[in-house]
Amino acid sequence: MRAKTRCEEKQSQLVTINSMAEQNFIQTRTRNFRFWIGLHDLHTEGEWKWLDGSDYRTGFKYWKEGQPSSSQTREEDCVQVRINGEWGCWISWREADIV
């Protein structure tokens, strides 16, 4: 949860992406970087939630093919935007590039 905490220390938060326009805006400014967004299933495996309360079920999604996935050996609770802009699951928010 370090990425979330670091954002809060800077009076900000992990981003919520609600549309393709927002996805494109962020993607053009973060080329060649991976970064965390405010999407997680920390409380219930497979029940994805945005930190700001936006509705995941009916909202915009940009998952990499095969994602979100369920790891057999560990829970992947947080979401990282890959260099190509697609979303992928990861174990936890940690200190990394923050948007």
PDB file of N, CA and C in Angstrom:
ATOM      1  N   MET A   1       0.811  -1.196   0.000  1.00  0.00           N
ATOM      2  CA  MET A   1       0.000   0.000   0.000  1.00  0.00           C
ATOM      3  C   MET A   1       0.855   1.260   0.000  1.00  0.00           C
ATOM      4  N   ARG A   2       2.146   1.125  -0.236  1.00  0.00           N
ATOM      5  CA  ARG A   2       3.014   2.303  -0.209  1.00  0.00           C
ATOM      6  C   ARG A   2       2.631   3.350  -1.246  1.00  0.00           C
ATOM      7  N   ALA A   3       2.241   2.917  -2.438  1.00  0.00           N
ATOM      8  CA  ALA A   3       1.882   3.883  -3.483  1.00  0.00           C
ATOM      9  C   ALA A   3       0.691   4.724  -3.047  1.00  0.00           C
ATOM     10  N   LYS A   4      -0.311   4.095  -2.466  1.00  0.00           N
ATOM     11  CA  LYS A   4      -1.487   4.822  -1.976  1.00  0.00           C
ATOM     12  C   LYS A   4      -1.080   5.804  -0.885  1.00  0.00           C
ATOM     13  N   THR A   5      -0.254   5.363   0.041  1.00  0.00           N
ATOM     14  CA  THR A   5       0.202   6.220   1.140  1.00  0.00           C
ATOM     15  C   THR A   5       1.026   7.385   0.615  1.00  0.00           C
ATOM     16  N   ARG A   6       1.916   7.126  -0.332  1.00  0.00           N
ATOM     17  CA  ARG A   6       2.732   8.207  -0.909  1.00  0.00           C
ATOM     18  C   ARG A   6       1.865   9.263  -1.571  1.00  0.00           C
ATOM     19  N   CYS A   7       0.830   8.835  -2.265  1.00  0.00           N
ATOM     20  CA  CYS A   7      -0.091   9.801  -2.876  1.00  0.00           C
ATOM     21  C   CYS A   7      -0.767  10.638  -1.803  1.00  0.00           C
ATOM     22  N   GLU A   8      -1.256   9.985  -0.760  1.00  0.00           N
ATOM     23  CA  GLU A   8      -1.946  10.707   0.310  1.00  0.00           C
ATOM     24  C   GLU A   8      -1.022  11.714   0.988  1.00  0.00           C
ATOM     25  N   GLU A   9       0.250  11.367   1.137  1.00  0.00           N
ATOM     26  CA  GLU A   9       1.218  12.295   1.727  1.00  0.00           C
ATOM     27  C   GLU A   9       1.364  13.555   0.875  1.00  0.00           C
ATOM     28  N   LYS A  10       1.090  13.439  -0.414  1.00  0.00           N
ATOM     29  CA  LYS A  10       1.192  14.579  -1.334  1.00  0.00           C
ATOM     30  C   LYS A  10      -0.185  15.198  -1.603  1.00  0.00           C
ATOM     31  N   GLN A  11      -1.133  14.909  -0.720  1.00  0.00           N
ATOM     32  CA  GLN A  11      -2.508  15.388  -0.849  1.00  0.00           C
ATOM     33  C   GLN A  11      -3.107  15.037  -2.210  1.00  0.00           C
ATOM     34  N   SER A  12      -2.878  13.806  -2.633  1.00  0.00           N
ATOM     35  CA  SER A  12      -3.431  13.330  -3.895  1.00  0.00           C
ATOM     36  C   SER A  12      -3.893  11.891  -3.708  1.00  0.00           C
ATOM     37  N   GLN A  13      -4.299  11.262  -4.785  1.00  0.00           N
ATOM     38  CA  GLN A  13      -4.739   9.874  -4.693  1.00  0.00           C
ATOM     39  C   GLN A  13      -4.400   9.136  -5.980  1.00  0.00           C
ATOM     40  N   LEU A  14      -4.429   7.817  -5.911  1.00  0.00           N
ATOM     41  CA  LEU A  14      -4.257   7.017  -7.111  1.00  0.00           C
ATOM     42  C   LEU A  14      -5.422   7.308  -8.055  1.00  0.00           C
ATOM     43  N   VAL A  15      -5.142   7.359  -9.331  1.00  0.00           N
ATOM     44  CA  VAL A  15      -6.114   7.791 -10.332  1.00  0.00           C
ATOM     45  C   VAL A  15      -7.221   6.754 -10.557  1.00  0.00           C
ATOM     46  N   THR A  16      -8.396   7.257 -10.854  1.00  0.00           N
ATOM     47  CA  THR A  16      -9.523   6.460 -11.335  1.00  0.00           C
ATOM     48  C   THR A  16      -9.701   6.810 -12.806  1.00  0.00           C
ATOM     49  N   ILE A  17      -9.836   5.794 -13.643  1.00  0.00           N
ATOM     50  CA  ILE A  17      -9.988   6.017 -15.081  1.00  0.00           C
ATOM     51  C   ILE A  17     -11.413   5.647 -15.468  1.00  0.00           C
ATOM     52  N   ASN A  18     -12.187   6.645 -15.900  1.00  0.00           N
ATOM     53  CA  ASN A  18     -13.608   6.451 -16.178  1.00  0.00           C
ATOM     54  C   ASN A  18     -13.977   6.415 -17.655  1.00  0.00           C
ATOM     55  N   SER A  19     -13.023   6.639 -18.546  1.00  0.00           N
ATOM     56  CA  SER A  19     -13.363   6.680 -19.975  1.00  0.00           C
ATOM     57  C   SER A  19     -12.113   6.450 -20.821  1.00  0.00           C
ATOM     58  N   MET A  20     -12.337   6.164 -22.096  1.00  0.00           N
ATOM     59  CA  MET A  20     -11.218   6.005 -23.023  1.00  0.00           C
ATOM     60  C   MET A  20     -10.474   7.321 -23.170  1.00  0.00           C
ATOM     61  N   ALA A  21     -11.178   8.436 -23.114  1.00  0.00           N
ATOM     62  CA  ALA A  21     -10.517   9.746 -23.201  1.00  0.00           C
ATOM     63  C   ALA A  21      -9.546   9.929 -22.036  1.00  0.00           C
ATOM     64  N   GLU A  22      -9.958   9.556 -20.833  1.00  0.00           N
ATOM     65  CA  GLU A  22      -9.062   9.650 -19.672  1.00  0.00           C
ATOM     66  C   GLU A  22      -7.898   8.679 -19.817  1.00  0.00           C
ATOM     67  N   GLN A  23      -8.176   7.460 -20.297  1.00  0.00           N
ATOM     68  CA  GLN A  23      -7.125   6.465 -20.520  1.00  0.00           C
ATOM     69  C   GLN A  23      -6.083   7.026 -21.487  1.00  0.00           C
ATOM     70  N   ASN A  24      -6.533   7.594 -22.598  1.00  0.00           N
ATOM     71  CA  ASN A  24      -5.620   8.158 -23.595  1.00  0.00           C
ATOM     72  C   ASN A  24      -4.830   9.332 -23.029  1.00  0.00           C
ATOM     73  N   PHE A  25      -5.490  10.199 -22.277  1.00  0.00           N
ATOM     74  CA  PHE A  25      -4.827  11.351 -21.660  1.00  0.00           C
ATOM     75  C   PHE A  25      -3.675  10.891 -20.766  1.00  0.00           C
ATOM     76  N   ILE A  26      -3.957   9.946 -19.907  1.00  0.00           N
ATOM     77  CA  ILE A  26      -2.934   9.441 -18.982  1.00  0.00           C
ATOM     78  C   ILE A  26      -1.845   8.699 -19.745  1.00  0.00           C
ATOM     79  N   GLN A  27      -2.257   7.870 -20.681  1.00  0.00           N
ATOM     80  CA  GLN A  27      -1.299   7.058 -21.428  1.00  0.00           C
ATOM     81  C   GLN A  27      -0.309   7.911 -22.214  1.00  0.00           C
ATOM     82  N   THR A  28      -0.759   9.011 -22.797  1.00  0.00           N
ATOM     83  CA  THR A  28       0.157   9.851 -23.570  1.00  0.00           C
ATOM     84  C   THR A  28       1.149  10.584 -22.677  1.00  0.00           C
ATOM     85  N   ARG A  29       0.833  10.734 -21.416  1.00  0.00           N
ATOM     86  CA  ARG A  29       1.730  11.436 -20.494  1.00  0.00           C
ATOM     87  C   ARG A  29       2.617  10.497 -19.682  1.00  0.00           C
ATOM     88  N   THR A  30       2.397   9.206 -19.828  1.00  0.00           N
ATOM     89  CA  THR A  30       3.158   8.246 -19.026  1.00  0.00           C
ATOM     90  C   THR A  30       3.824   7.186 -19.892  1.00  0.00           C
ATOM     91  N   ARG A  31       4.072   7.499 -21.133  1.00  0.00           N
ATOM     92  CA  ARG A  31       4.699   6.511 -22.023  1.00  0.00           C
ATOM     93  C   ARG A  31       5.983   5.970 -21.401  1.00  0.00           C
ATOM     94  N   ASN A  32       6.200   4.681 -21.615  1.00  0.00           N
ATOM     95  CA  ASN A  32       7.403   3.988 -21.140  1.00  0.00           C
ATOM     96  C   ASN A  32       7.466   3.850 -19.623  1.00  0.00           C
ATOM     97  N   PHE A  33       6.342   4.019 -18.947  1.00  0.00           N
ATOM     98  CA  PHE A  33       6.292   3.824 -17.497  1.00  0.00           C
ATOM     99  C   PHE A  33       5.160   2.872 -17.146  1.00  0.00           C
ATOM    100  N   ARG A  34       5.356   2.145 -16.073  1.00  0.00           N
ATOM    101  CA  ARG A  34       4.281   1.378 -15.454  1.00  0.00           C
ATOM    102  C   ARG A  34       3.874   2.142 -14.214  1.00  0.00           C
ATOM    103  N   PHE A  35       2.606   2.118 -13.905  1.00  0.00           N
ATOM    104  CA  PHE A  35       2.162   2.852 -12.724  1.00  0.00           C
ATOM    105  C   PHE A  35       0.888   2.241 -12.159  1.00  0.00           C
ATOM    106  N   TRP A  36       0.646   2.554 -10.889  1.00  0.00           N
ATOM    107  CA  TRP A  36      -0.521   2.055 -10.165  1.00  0.00           C
ATOM    108  C   TRP A  36      -1.715   2.961 -10.383  1.00  0.00           C
ATOM    109  N   ILE A  37      -2.898   2.347 -10.414  1.00  0.00           N
ATOM    110  CA  ILE A  37      -4.138   3.113 -10.416  1.00  0.00           C
ATOM    111  C   ILE A  37      -4.960   2.685  -9.199  1.00  0.00           C
ATOM    112  N   GLY A  38      -6.009   3.422  -8.906  1.00  0.00           N
ATOM    113  CA  GLY A  38      -6.784   3.193  -7.687  1.00  0.00           C
ATOM    114  C   GLY A  38      -7.846   2.122  -7.800  1.00  0.00           C
ATOM    115  N   LEU A  39      -7.521   0.993  -8.396  1.00  0.00           N
ATOM    116  CA  LEU A  39      -8.447  -0.125  -8.554  1.00  0.00           C
ATOM    117  C   LEU A  39      -7.898  -1.320  -7.789  1.00  0.00           C
ATOM    118  N   HIS A  40      -8.750  -2.005  -7.034  1.00  0.00           N
ATOM    119  CA  HIS A  40      -8.280  -3.120  -6.200  1.00  0.00           C
ATOM    120  C   HIS A  40      -9.410  -4.103  -5.910  1.00  0.00           C
ATOM    121  N   ASP A  41      -9.007  -5.288  -5.450  1.00  0.00           N
ATOM    122  CA  ASP A  41      -9.960  -6.245  -4.874  1.00  0.00           C
ATOM    123  C   ASP A  41      -9.412  -6.744  -3.538  1.00  0.00           C
ATOM    124  N   LEU A  42      -8.941  -5.810  -2.737  1.00  0.00           N
ATOM    125  CA  LEU A  42      -8.307  -6.120  -1.453  1.00  0.00           C
ATOM    126  C   LEU A  42      -9.246  -6.793  -0.459  1.00  0.00           C
ATOM    127  N   HIS A  43     -10.517  -6.432  -0.468  1.00  0.00           N
ATOM    128  CA  HIS A  43     -11.441  -6.928   0.551  1.00  0.00           C
ATOM    129  C   HIS A  43     -12.071  -8.266   0.181  1.00  0.00           C
ATOM    130  N   THR A  44     -12.439  -8.431  -1.086  1.00  0.00           N
ATOM    131  CA  THR A  44     -13.042  -9.673  -1.565  1.00  0.00           C
ATOM    132  C   THR A  44     -12.429 -10.009  -2.915  1.00  0.00           C
ATOM    133  N   GLU A  45     -11.801 -11.168  -3.012  1.00  0.00           N
ATOM    134  CA  GLU A  45     -11.144 -11.584  -4.243  1.00  0.00           C
ATOM    135  C   GLU A  45     -12.139 -11.575  -5.404  1.00  0.00           C
ATOM    136  N   GLY A  46     -11.774 -10.868  -6.479  1.00  0.00           N
ATOM    137  CA  GLY A  46     -12.606 -10.798  -7.671  1.00  0.00           C
ATOM    138  C   GLY A  46     -13.655  -9.700  -7.651  1.00  0.00           C
ATOM    139  N   GLU A  47     -13.805  -9.018  -6.527  1.00  0.00           N
ATOM    140  CA  GLU A  47     -14.761  -7.908  -6.430  1.00  0.00           C
ATOM    141  C   GLU A  47     -13.982  -6.601  -6.517  1.00  0.00           C
ATOM    142  N   TRP A  48     -13.839  -6.093  -7.744  1.00  0.00           N
ATOM    143  CA  TRP A  48     -13.006  -4.925  -8.010  1.00  0.00           C
ATOM    144  C   TRP A  48     -13.711  -3.644  -7.605  1.00  0.00           C
ATOM    145  N   LYS A  49     -12.945  -2.740  -6.980  1.00  0.00           N
ATOM    146  CA  LYS A  49     -13.486  -1.462  -6.506  1.00  0.00           C
ATOM    147  C   LYS A  49     -12.490  -0.347  -6.800  1.00  0.00           C
ATOM    148  N   TRP A  50     -13.034   0.817  -7.142  1.00  0.00           N
ATOM    149  CA  TRP A  50     -12.224   2.017  -7.293  1.00  0.00           C
ATOM    150  C   TRP A  50     -12.129   2.707  -5.941  1.00  0.00           C
ATOM    151  N   LEU A  51     -10.971   3.241  -5.614  1.00  0.00           N
ATOM    152  CA  LEU A  51     -10.784   3.929  -4.334  1.00  0.00           C
ATOM    153  C   LEU A  51     -11.735   5.106  -4.155  1.00  0.00           C
ATOM    154  N   ASP A  52     -12.094   5.779  -5.242  1.00  0.00           N
ATOM    155  CA  ASP A  52     -12.976   6.947  -5.125  1.00  0.00           C
ATOM    156  C   ASP A  52     -14.458   6.583  -5.097  1.00  0.00           C
ATOM    157  N   GLY A  53     -14.766   5.294  -5.159  1.00  0.00           N
ATOM    158  CA  GLY A  53     -16.155   4.852  -5.096  1.00  0.00           C
ATOM    159  C   GLY A  53     -16.861   4.745  -6.437  1.00  0.00           C
ATOM    160  N   SER A  54     -16.185   5.067  -7.536  1.00  0.00           N
ATOM    161  CA  SER A  54     -16.798   4.918  -8.861  1.00  0.00           C
ATOM    162  C   SER A  54     -17.229   3.467  -9.062  1.00  0.00           C
ATOM    163  N   ASP A  55     -18.306   3.265  -9.816  1.00  0.00           N
ATOM    164  CA  ASP A  55     -18.852   1.924 -10.022  1.00  0.00           C
ATOM    165  C   ASP A  55     -18.014   1.153 -11.041  1.00  0.00           C
ATOM    166  N   TYR A  56     -17.312   0.141 -10.584  1.00  0.00           N
ATOM    167  CA  TYR A  56     -16.476  -0.673 -11.468  1.00  0.00           C
ATOM    168  C   TYR A  56     -17.333  -1.496 -12.435  1.00  0.00           C
ATOM    169  N   ARG A  57     -18.409  -2.083 -11.921  1.00  0.00           N
ATOM    170  CA  ARG A  57     -19.199  -3.023 -12.725  1.00  0.00           C
ATOM    171  C   ARG A  57     -19.710  -2.402 -14.023  1.00  0.00           C
ATOM    172  N   THR A  58     -20.141  -1.155 -13.967  1.00  0.00           N
ATOM    173  CA  THR A  58     -20.698  -0.508 -15.159  1.00  0.00           C
ATOM    174  C   THR A  58     -19.724   0.472 -15.801  1.00  0.00           C
ATOM    175  N   GLY A  59     -18.559   0.626 -15.205  1.00  0.00           N
ATOM    176  CA  GLY A  59     -17.605   1.620 -15.666  1.00  0.00           C
ATOM    177  C   GLY A  59     -16.649   1.131 -16.741  1.00  0.00           C
ATOM    178  N   PHE A  60     -15.774   2.020 -17.141  1.00  0.00           N
ATOM    179  CA  PHE A  60     -14.753   1.779 -18.157  1.00  0.00           C
ATOM    180  C   PHE A  60     -13.729   0.762 -17.656  1.00  0.00           C
ATOM    181  N   LYS A  61     -13.275  -0.111 -18.566  1.00  0.00           N
ATOM    182  CA  LYS A  61     -12.235  -1.100 -18.248  1.00  0.00           C
ATOM    183  C   LYS A  61     -11.272  -1.186 -19.427  1.00  0.00           C
ATOM    184  N   TYR A  62      -9.998  -1.452 -19.141  1.00  0.00           N
ATOM    185  CA  TYR A  62      -8.993  -1.563 -20.199  1.00  0.00           C
ATOM    186  C   TYR A  62      -7.994  -2.668 -19.848  1.00  0.00           C
ATOM    187  N   TRP A  63      -8.522  -3.831 -19.469  1.00  0.00           N
ATOM    188  CA  TRP A  63      -7.688  -4.948 -19.053  1.00  0.00           C
ATOM    189  C   TRP A  63      -6.897  -5.538 -20.215  1.00  0.00           C
ATOM    190  N   LYS A  64      -5.689  -5.973 -19.915  1.00  0.00           N
ATOM    191  CA  LYS A  64      -4.901  -6.775 -20.844  1.00  0.00           C
ATOM    192  C   LYS A  64      -5.653  -8.089 -21.047  1.00  0.00           C
ATOM    193  N   GLU A  65      -5.536  -8.693 -22.215  1.00  0.00           N
ATOM    194  CA  GLU A  65      -6.193  -9.974 -22.457  1.00  0.00           C
ATOM    195  C   GLU A  65      -5.789 -10.978 -21.372  1.00  0.00           C
ATOM    196  N   GLY A  66      -6.758 -11.684 -20.834  1.00  0.00           N
ATOM    197  CA  GLY A  66      -6.498 -12.660 -19.777  1.00  0.00           C
ATOM    198  C   GLY A  66      -6.537 -12.074 -18.376  1.00  0.00           C
ATOM    199  N   GLN A  67      -6.749 -10.774 -18.274  1.00  0.00           N
ATOM    200  CA  GLN A  67      -6.828 -10.104 -16.978  1.00  0.00           C
ATOM    201  C   GLN A  67      -8.274  -9.653 -16.751  1.00  0.00           C
ATOM    202  N   PRO A  68      -8.752  -9.469 -15.567  1.00  0.00           N
ATOM    203  CA  PRO A  68      -8.006  -9.765 -14.350  1.00  0.00           C
ATOM    204  C   PRO A  68      -7.868 -11.271 -14.174  1.00  0.00           C
ATOM    205  N   SER A  69      -6.751 -11.659 -13.648  1.00  0.00           N
ATOM    206  CA  SER A  69      -6.473 -13.080 -13.473  1.00  0.00           C
ATOM    207  C   SER A  69      -6.460 -13.423 -11.997  1.00  0.00           C
ATOM    208  N   SER A  70      -6.569 -14.693 -11.742  1.00  0.00           N
ATOM    209  CA  SER A  70      -6.458 -15.183 -10.369  1.00  0.00           C
ATOM    210  C   SER A  70      -5.216 -16.049 -10.297  1.00  0.00           C
ATOM    211  N   SER A  71      -4.247 -15.617  -9.540  1.00  0.00           N
ATOM    212  CA  SER A  71      -3.031 -16.400  -9.361  1.00  0.00           C
ATOM    213  C   SER A  71      -3.341 -17.597  -8.477  1.00  0.00           C
ATOM    214  N   GLN A  72      -2.756 -18.719  -8.783  1.00  0.00           N
ATOM    215  CA  GLN A  72      -2.970 -19.919  -7.975  1.00  0.00           C
ATOM    216  C   GLN A  72      -2.184 -19.884  -6.672  1.00  0.00           C
ATOM    217  N   THR A  73      -1.111 -19.106  -6.629  1.00  0.00           N
ATOM    218  CA  THR A  73      -0.240 -19.122  -5.455  1.00  0.00           C
ATOM    219  C   THR A  73      -0.323 -17.869  -4.610  1.00  0.00           C
ATOM    220  N   ARG A  74      -0.881 -16.787  -5.138  1.00  0.00           N
ATOM    221  CA  ARG A  74      -0.948 -15.545  -4.373  1.00  0.00           C
ATOM    222  C   ARG A  74      -2.090 -14.683  -4.901  1.00  0.00           C
ATOM    223  N   GLU A  75      -2.612 -13.869  -4.027  1.00  0.00           N
ATOM    224  CA  GLU A  75      -3.683 -12.978  -4.440  1.00  0.00           C
ATOM    225  C   GLU A  75      -3.095 -11.758  -5.134  1.00  0.00           C
ATOM    226  N   GLU A  76      -3.659 -11.414  -6.266  1.00  0.00           N
ATOM    227  CA  GLU A  76      -3.251 -10.222  -7.006  1.00  0.00           C
ATOM    228  C   GLU A  76      -4.350  -9.189  -6.802  1.00  0.00           C
ATOM    229  N   ASP A  77      -4.121  -8.278  -5.884  1.00  0.00           N
ATOM    230  CA  ASP A  77      -5.179  -7.392  -5.407  1.00  0.00           C
ATOM    231  C   ASP A  77      -5.185  -6.001  -6.015  1.00  0.00           C
ATOM    232  N   CYS A  78      -4.117  -5.585  -6.651  1.00  0.00           N
ATOM    233  CA  CYS A  78      -4.001  -4.203  -7.119  1.00  0.00           C
ATOM    234  C   CYS A  78      -3.758  -4.171  -8.622  1.00  0.00           C
ATOM    235  N   VAL A  79      -3.957  -2.999  -9.220  1.00  0.00           N
ATOM    236  CA  VAL A  79      -3.883  -2.896 -10.678  1.00  0.00           C
ATOM    237  C   VAL A  79      -2.790  -1.921 -11.095  1.00  0.00           C
ATOM    238  N   GLN A  80      -2.009  -2.378 -12.054  1.00  0.00           N
ATOM    239  CA  GLN A  80      -0.922  -1.584 -12.612  1.00  0.00           C
ATOM    240  C   GLN A  80      -1.215  -1.364 -14.092  1.00  0.00           C
ATOM    241  N   VAL A  81      -0.967  -0.153 -14.575  1.00  0.00           N
ATOM    242  CA  VAL A  81      -1.068   0.109 -16.009  1.00  0.00           C
ATOM    243  C   VAL A  81       0.296  -0.214 -16.612  1.00  0.00           C
ATOM    244  N   ARG A  82       0.284  -1.071 -17.609  1.00  0.00           N
ATOM    245  CA  ARG A  82       1.516  -1.506 -18.261  1.00  0.00           C
ATOM    246  C   ARG A  82       2.004  -0.433 -19.230  1.00  0.00           C
ATOM    247  N   ILE A  83       3.191  -0.612 -19.753  1.00  0.00           N
ATOM    248  CA  ILE A  83       3.786   0.355 -20.677  1.00  0.00           C
ATOM    249  C   ILE A  83       2.886   0.591 -21.896  1.00  0.00           C
ATOM    250  N   ASN A  84       2.194  -0.439 -22.359  1.00  0.00           N
ATOM    251  CA  ASN A  84       1.306  -0.287 -23.523  1.00  0.00           C
ATOM    252  C   ASN A  84      -0.063   0.282 -23.149  1.00  0.00           C
ATOM    253  N   GLY A  85      -0.281   0.586 -21.875  1.00  0.00           N
ATOM    254  CA  GLY A  85      -1.527   1.185 -21.425  1.00  0.00           C
ATOM    255  C   GLY A  85      -2.553   0.210 -20.887  1.00  0.00           C
ATOM    256  N   GLU A  86      -2.369  -1.080 -21.136  1.00  0.00           N
ATOM    257  CA  GLU A  86      -3.345  -2.059 -20.660  1.00  0.00           C
ATOM    258  C   GLU A  86      -3.199  -2.288 -19.161  1.00  0.00           C
ATOM    259  N   TRP A  87      -4.303  -2.649 -18.514  1.00  0.00           N
ATOM    260  CA  TRP A  87      -4.305  -2.886 -17.074  1.00  0.00           C
ATOM    261  C   TRP A  87      -3.963  -4.341 -16.780  1.00  0.00           C
ATOM    262  N   GLY A  88      -3.216  -4.553 -15.711  1.00  0.00           N
ATOM    263  CA  GLY A  88      -2.893  -5.896 -15.262  1.00  0.00           C
ATOM    264  C   GLY A  88      -2.907  -5.982 -13.749  1.00  0.00           C
ATOM    265  N   CYS A  89      -3.239  -7.151 -13.227  1.00  0.00           N
ATOM    266  CA  CYS A  89      -3.263  -7.379 -11.776  1.00  0.00           C
ATOM    267  C   CYS A  89      -1.842  -7.524 -11.247  1.00  0.00           C
ATOM    268  N   TRP A  90      -1.671  -7.136 -10.006  1.00  0.00           N
ATOM    269  CA  TRP A  90      -0.397  -7.315  -9.335  1.00  0.00           C
ATOM    270  C   TRP A  90      -0.664  -7.570  -7.869  1.00  0.00           C
ATOM    271  N   ILE A  91       0.342  -8.034  -7.145  1.00  0.00           N
ATOM    272  CA  ILE A  91       0.165  -8.469  -5.766  1.00  0.00           C
ATOM    273  C   ILE A  91      -0.305  -7.345  -4.855  1.00  0.00           C
ATOM    274  N   SER A  92       0.378  -6.224  -4.853  1.00  0.00           N
ATOM    275  CA  SER A  92      -0.026  -5.126  -3.962  1.00  0.00           C
ATOM    276  C   SER A  92       0.546  -3.817  -4.472  1.00  0.00           C
ATOM    277  N   TRP A  93      -0.065  -2.717  -4.018  1.00  0.00           N
ATOM    278  CA  TRP A  93       0.504  -1.417  -4.340  1.00  0.00           C
ATOM    279  C   TRP A  93       1.826  -1.322  -3.601  1.00  0.00           C
ATOM    280  N   ARG A  94       2.822  -0.891  -4.254  1.00  0.00           N
ATOM    281  CA  ARG A  94       4.129  -0.710  -3.627  1.00  0.00           C
ATOM    282  C   ARG A  94       4.717   0.564  -4.179  1.00  0.00           C
ATOM    283  N   GLU A  95       5.865   0.907  -3.679  1.00  0.00           N
ATOM    284  CA  GLU A  95       6.493   2.130  -4.159  1.00  0.00           C
ATOM    285  C   GLU A  95       6.888   1.934  -5.613  1.00  0.00           C
ATOM    286  N   ALA A  96       6.299   2.699  -6.458  1.00  0.00           N
ATOM    287  CA  ALA A  96       6.557   2.625  -7.896  1.00  0.00           C
ATOM    288  C   ALA A  96       6.116   3.949  -8.481  1.00  0.00           C
ATOM    289  N   ASP A  97       6.104   4.025  -9.788  1.00  0.00           N
ATOM    290  CA  ASP A  97       5.617   5.247 -10.415  1.00  0.00           C
ATOM    291  C   ASP A  97       4.175   5.461  -9.994  1.00  0.00           C
ATOM    292  N   ILE A  98       3.854   6.690  -9.660  1.00  0.00           N
ATOM    293  CA  ILE A  98       2.526   7.021  -9.160  1.00  0.00           C
ATOM    294  C   ILE A  98       1.922   8.077 -10.056  1.00  0.00           C
ATOM    295  N   VAL A  99       0.675   7.879 -10.468  1.00  0.00           N
ATOM    296  CA  VAL A  99      -0.028   8.867 -11.281  1.00  0.00           C
ATOM    297  C   VAL A  99      -1.164   9.423 -10.457  1.00  0.00           C
TER     298      VAL A  99
END
